[in-house]
Amino acid sequence: SIVGVAYITELFIAWYSGVEYEQYAFLNRATGPYWWAYLLMMSCNVFSPQFMWFKKLRTSIMFSFFISIVVNVGMWFERFVIIVTSLHRDYLPSSWTMFSPTFVDIGIFIGTIGFFFVLFLLYARTFPVIAQAEVKTILKSSGERYKRIREAGQSLVGTGADERTSGKAVVKAEAHKVDNTEKVNSLLQTIGTFDASSGTADELQKINGVGPKMEEALNSIGIYTFLQVSKMTKREYDLLDEITGSFPGRAERDDWSGQAKKLIN
């Protein structure tokens, strides 16, 4: 790891410098009274990340979380080693002593943990961590539910736990179907209908913006050819958006009509 390279570089520079005091400081870290802290620092920060070379381990969420905690412990011991082992043995042997934390040291340590959690909770409150993919799956249906409640003139207070918003959306299927049928007929009157007995369906996915799902939707409406798509204008684009209910404005933005004309030619 990069941290391991940094540790080795520190040892090399201490040896290469030829400064006796610096050499002793680093030697004391590894072999002195606080050797256990130095060993824990090296183990957590240098040796434990080596397990990430194995794909089975690094793709495990639980193991990655465990390693992250181990590395955090190692980084704390790094600060301990830097401060304590550098100060507990000074230039004069008469000043050598073992470190004993006071209530101030303990308070600062606990305070830093508390300060972190305060900032973390404030951030979580202001910017809640919500999976965008999960929100997208419920956004449309839940929005429709709230819209129907508002249109009915009802209060939205307490609707978060209300069956009107938490249950499955109930749509007036028949009215919706009749409305769509009228729009489909109006659309096909303009762009023409497709006769399977005398014509051949085109591969609509060649049009930029039309995928497998959209092609299925177009076919279900009765649009099978580039010729039909080439006759679309803004009015037909708007009708198509209302019928499919997905990616509004995309057909007009990607100019499906112009693309279809080029594909015909």
Protein backbone atom coordinates (compact mmCIF):
# COMPACT_ATOMS: atom_id res chain seq x y z
CA SER A 1 0.00 0.00 0.00
CA ILE A 2 1.01 3.65 -0.39
CA VAL A 3 1.09 4.07 3.39
CA GLY A 4 3.46 1.09 3.63
CA VAL A 5 5.77 2.71 1.08
CA ALA A 6 5.69 5.91 3.17
CA TYR A 7 6.65 4.01 6.34
CA ILE A 8 9.55 2.25 4.59
CA THR A 9 10.68 5.58 3.10
CA GLU A 10 10.76 7.12 6.58
CA LEU A 11 12.97 4.28 7.84
CA PHE A 12 15.25 4.56 4.82
CA ILE A 13 15.63 8.35 5.17
CA ALA A 14 16.40 7.98 8.89
CA TRP A 15 19.15 5.47 8.07
CA TYR A 16 20.42 7.36 5.01
CA SER A 17 20.58 10.73 6.81
CA GLY A 18 23.20 9.47 9.24
CA VAL A 19 21.63 11.56 12.03
CA GLU A 20 22.04 9.51 15.19
CA TYR A 21 19.06 11.05 16.99
CA GLU A 22 16.65 10.42 14.11
CA GLN A 23 17.93 6.85 13.72
CA TYR A 24 17.37 6.19 17.41
CA ALA A 25 13.85 7.68 17.31
CA PHE A 26 12.77 5.23 14.60
CA LEU A 27 14.64 2.30 16.17
CA ASN A 28 12.95 3.06 19.49
CA ARG A 29 9.54 2.96 17.82
CA ALA A 30 10.09 -0.60 16.62
CA THR A 31 12.10 -2.07 19.52
CA GLY A 32 11.39 0.21 22.49
CA PRO A 33 8.73 -0.01 25.20
CA TYR A 34 6.01 0.92 22.69
CA TRP A 35 6.93 -1.75 20.13
CA TRP A 36 3.39 -3.16 20.42
CA ALA A 37 1.88 0.13 19.17
CA TYR A 38 4.28 0.20 16.21
CA LEU A 39 3.48 -3.44 15.41
CA LEU A 40 -0.27 -2.76 15.50
CA MET A 41 0.20 0.29 13.26
CA MET A 42 2.16 -1.71 10.68
CA SER A 43 -0.23 -4.68 10.86
CA CYS A 44 -3.39 -2.62 10.44
CA ASN A 45 -2.14 -0.15 7.85
CA VAL A 46 0.29 -2.24 5.80
CA PHE A 47 -0.47 -5.95 6.16
CA SER A 48 -4.29 -6.04 6.49
CA PRO A 49 -4.98 -4.26 3.15
CA GLN A 50 -3.03 -7.01 1.35
CA PHE A 51 -6.11 -9.23 1.67
CA MET A 52 -7.73 -6.98 -0.93
CA TRP A 53 -5.60 -8.69 -3.59
CA PHE A 54 -8.11 -11.56 -3.45
CA LYS A 55 -11.23 -10.82 -5.50
CA LYS A 56 -13.50 -12.96 -3.34
CA LEU A 57 -12.56 -10.89 -0.28
CA ARG A 58 -12.57 -7.40 -1.83
CA THR A 59 -16.01 -7.99 -3.36
CA SER A 60 -17.45 -8.92 0.03
CA ILE A 61 -19.20 -5.95 1.65
CA MET A 62 -18.80 -7.30 5.18
CA PHE A 63 -15.10 -8.05 4.75
CA SER A 64 -14.46 -4.62 3.17
CA PHE A 65 -16.25 -2.99 6.10
CA PHE A 66 -14.15 -5.01 8.56
CA ILE A 67 -10.91 -4.02 6.80
CA SER A 68 -11.96 -0.37 6.82
CA ILE A 69 -12.42 -0.52 10.62
CA VAL A 70 -9.02 -2.20 11.00
CA VAL A 71 -7.37 0.52 8.90
CA ASN A 72 -9.07 3.22 11.00
CA VAL A 73 -7.66 1.61 14.14
CA GLY A 74 -4.24 1.53 12.48
CA MET A 75 -4.44 5.22 11.60
CA TRP A 76 -5.20 6.05 15.23
CA PHE A 77 -2.15 4.06 16.33
CA GLU A 78 -0.10 5.95 13.74
CA ARG A 79 -0.91 9.22 15.55
CA PHE A 80 -0.14 7.55 18.86
CA VAL A 81 3.24 6.36 17.60
CA ILE A 82 4.12 9.73 16.06
CA ILE A 83 3.35 11.72 19.21
CA VAL A 84 4.04 9.40 22.14
CA THR A 85 7.14 7.54 20.97
CA SER A 86 8.69 10.80 19.76
CA LEU A 87 8.27 12.50 23.14
CA HIS A 88 8.56 9.81 25.80
CA ARG A 89 12.36 9.58 25.28
CA ASP A 90 13.97 12.97 24.86
CA TYR A 91 17.63 13.92 24.43
CA LEU A 92 18.29 13.55 28.19
CA PRO A 93 17.86 10.04 29.70
CA SER A 94 16.76 11.73 32.93
CA SER A 95 13.58 12.92 31.16
CA TRP A 96 12.64 9.51 29.81
CA THR A 97 9.26 8.35 31.04
CA MET A 98 6.23 6.30 30.03
CA PHE A 99 3.15 8.09 28.77
CA SER A 100 0.12 8.16 31.06
CA PRO A 101 -2.99 9.90 29.66
CA THR A 102 -4.60 12.58 31.80
CA PHE A 103 -8.29 13.47 31.92
CA VAL A 104 -7.55 16.15 29.30
CA ASP A 105 -6.14 13.57 26.87
CA ILE A 106 -9.08 11.24 27.43
CA GLY A 107 -11.53 14.13 27.05
CA ILE A 108 -9.99 15.23 23.75
CA PHE A 109 -10.11 11.64 22.47
CA ILE A 110 -13.79 11.17 23.37
CA GLY A 111 -14.58 14.69 22.17
CA THR A 112 -13.19 14.06 18.70
CA ILE A 113 -15.47 11.00 18.36
CA GLY A 114 -18.45 13.05 19.55
CA PHE A 115 -17.57 15.92 17.21
CA PHE A 116 -17.44 13.53 14.26
CA PHE A 117 -20.86 12.06 15.04
CA VAL A 118 -22.37 15.54 15.51
CA LEU A 119 -21.17 16.57 12.04
CA PHE A 120 -22.24 13.23 10.56
CA LEU A 121 -25.76 13.45 12.00
CA LEU A 122 -26.13 17.09 10.93
CA TYR A 123 -25.11 16.11 7.40
CA ALA A 124 -27.50 13.13 7.39
CA ARG A 125 -30.32 15.42 8.50
CA THR A 126 -29.61 18.05 5.86
CA PHE A 127 -28.68 15.69 3.04
CA PRO A 128 -30.42 12.36 3.78
CA VAL A 129 -28.79 9.39 2.11
CA ILE A 130 -31.49 8.00 -0.19
CA ALA A 131 -30.83 5.47 -2.94
CA GLN A 132 -31.85 7.21 -6.16
CA ALA A 133 -32.73 3.93 -7.85
CA GLU A 134 -35.21 3.09 -5.10
CA VAL A 135 -36.87 6.49 -5.31
CA LYS A 136 -37.36 6.26 -9.08
CA THR A 137 -39.39 3.06 -8.77
CA ILE A 138 -42.01 4.67 -6.51
CA LEU A 139 -41.83 8.32 -7.58
CA LYS A 140 -44.32 8.18 -10.45
CA SER A 141 -46.95 6.05 -8.72
CA SER A 142 -46.75 7.93 -5.42
CA GLY A 143 -46.91 11.25 -7.26
CA GLU A 144 -50.11 10.17 -9.00
CA ARG A 145 -51.65 9.19 -5.66
CA TYR A 146 -50.94 12.59 -4.10
CA LYS A 147 -52.18 14.32 -7.24
CA ARG A 148 -55.56 12.55 -7.02
CA ILE A 149 -55.87 13.51 -3.32
CA ARG A 150 -55.18 17.19 -4.12
CA GLU A 151 -57.61 17.19 -7.06
CA ALA A 152 -60.31 15.78 -4.77
CA GLY A 153 -59.74 18.75 -2.44
CA GLN A 154 -58.67 16.51 0.45
CA SER A 155 -55.99 17.37 3.02
CA LEU A 156 -52.50 15.90 2.61
CA VAL A 157 -51.87 15.91 6.37
CA GLY A 158 -50.95 12.41 7.57
CA THR A 159 -50.95 10.91 4.09
CA GLY A 160 -47.42 9.53 4.59
CA ALA A 161 -48.83 6.57 6.52
CA ASP A 162 -52.22 6.60 4.78
CA GLU A 163 -53.44 3.65 2.72
CA ARG A 164 -54.33 6.16 0.01
CA THR A 165 -50.62 6.73 -0.59
CA SER A 166 -48.92 3.62 0.82
CA GLY A 167 -51.08 1.02 -0.91
CA LYS A 168 -51.10 0.08 -4.55
CA ALA A 169 -52.27 2.81 -6.87
CA VAL A 170 -55.80 2.22 -8.09
CA VAL A 171 -56.38 3.73 -11.50
CA LYS A 172 -59.62 3.93 -13.37
CA ALA A 173 -58.51 1.49 -16.00
CA GLU A 174 -61.54 1.66 -18.26
CA ALA A 175 -61.62 5.46 -18.49
CA HIS A 176 -57.86 5.49 -19.08
CA LYS A 177 -58.19 2.84 -21.78
CA VAL A 178 -60.96 4.72 -23.60
CA ASP A 179 -58.98 7.96 -23.43
CA ASN A 180 -55.88 6.25 -24.83
CA THR A 181 -57.90 4.61 -27.59
CA GLU A 182 -59.11 7.99 -28.78
CA LYS A 183 -55.56 9.36 -28.77
CA VAL A 184 -54.20 6.33 -30.64
CA ASN A 185 -56.90 6.66 -33.30
CA SER A 186 -56.16 10.35 -33.67
CA LEU A 187 -52.44 9.63 -34.02
CA LEU A 188 -52.88 6.86 -36.60
CA GLN A 189 -55.28 8.99 -38.67
CA THR A 190 -52.41 11.39 -39.25
CA ILE A 191 -49.43 9.09 -39.71
CA GLY A 192 -51.32 6.18 -41.30
CA THR A 193 -51.92 2.60 -40.30
CA PHE A 194 -49.78 -0.46 -40.91
CA ASP A 195 -51.10 -3.43 -42.88
CA ALA A 196 -49.18 -6.56 -41.94
CA SER A 197 -50.49 -8.48 -44.97
CA SER A 198 -49.05 -6.07 -47.53
CA GLY A 199 -46.21 -4.34 -45.70
CA THR A 200 -43.05 -5.19 -43.79
CA ALA A 201 -42.26 -3.81 -40.36
CA ASP A 202 -39.07 -1.78 -40.05
CA GLU A 203 -36.48 -2.09 -37.29
CA LEU A 204 -37.43 1.01 -35.32
CA GLN A 205 -34.48 0.58 -32.97
CA LYS A 206 -32.30 2.08 -35.71
CA ILE A 207 -33.79 5.43 -34.69
CA ASN A 208 -31.68 7.07 -32.02
CA GLY A 209 -33.66 7.06 -28.77
CA VAL A 210 -35.75 4.00 -29.55
CA GLY A 211 -34.81 0.95 -27.50
CA PRO A 212 -36.41 -2.49 -27.23
CA LYS A 213 -39.04 -1.32 -24.72
CA MET A 214 -39.94 1.76 -26.73
CA GLU A 215 -40.17 -0.29 -29.92
CA GLU A 216 -42.62 -2.63 -28.17
CA ALA A 217 -44.65 0.38 -27.05
CA LEU A 218 -44.72 1.81 -30.59
CA ASN A 219 -45.75 -1.55 -32.03
CA SER A 220 -48.54 -1.88 -29.48
CA ILE A 221 -49.86 1.49 -30.64
CA GLY A 222 -49.70 0.42 -34.29
CA ILE A 223 -46.47 2.13 -35.40
CA TYR A 224 -44.26 -0.29 -37.30
CA THR A 225 -42.58 1.60 -40.14
CA PHE A 226 -40.20 4.49 -40.72
CA LEU A 227 -42.84 6.01 -43.02
CA GLN A 228 -45.29 6.37 -40.15
CA VAL A 229 -42.64 7.94 -37.91
CA SER A 230 -41.52 10.34 -40.66
CA LYS A 231 -45.01 11.92 -40.74
CA MET A 232 -44.85 12.98 -37.11
CA THR A 233 -45.01 16.65 -36.18
CA LYS A 234 -45.19 18.36 -32.79
CA ARG A 235 -48.86 17.40 -32.44
CA GLU A 236 -48.09 13.73 -33.01
CA TYR A 237 -45.09 13.89 -30.65
CA ASP A 238 -47.33 15.27 -27.90
CA LEU A 239 -49.94 12.58 -28.52
CA LEU A 240 -47.25 9.90 -28.40
CA ASP A 241 -45.93 11.24 -25.09
CA GLU A 242 -49.44 11.19 -23.61
CA ILE A 243 -50.05 7.62 -24.78
CA THR A 244 -46.74 6.08 -23.73
CA GLY A 245 -46.27 8.21 -20.61
CA SER A 246 -42.48 7.71 -20.73
CA PHE A 247 -39.59 10.00 -21.70
CA PRO A 248 -41.75 13.04 -22.52
CA GLY A 249 -40.27 15.24 -25.22
CA ARG A 250 -37.67 12.68 -26.24
CA ALA A 251 -39.12 11.95 -29.68
CA GLU A 252 -39.20 15.62 -30.59
CA ARG A 253 -35.80 16.32 -29.05
CA ASP A 254 -34.13 13.46 -30.94
CA ASP A 255 -36.05 14.34 -34.13
CA TRP A 256 -37.42 10.88 -34.81
CA SER A 257 -39.22 12.16 -37.90
CA GLY A 258 -36.01 13.48 -39.49
CA GLN A 259 -34.14 10.29 -38.62
CA ALA A 260 -36.91 8.17 -40.14
CA LYS A 261 -36.80 10.16 -43.39
CA LYS A 262 -33.05 9.57 -43.66
CA LEU A 263 -33.52 5.85 -43.00
CA ILE A 264 -36.19 5.65 -45.71
CA ASN A 265 -33.81 7.25 -48.22
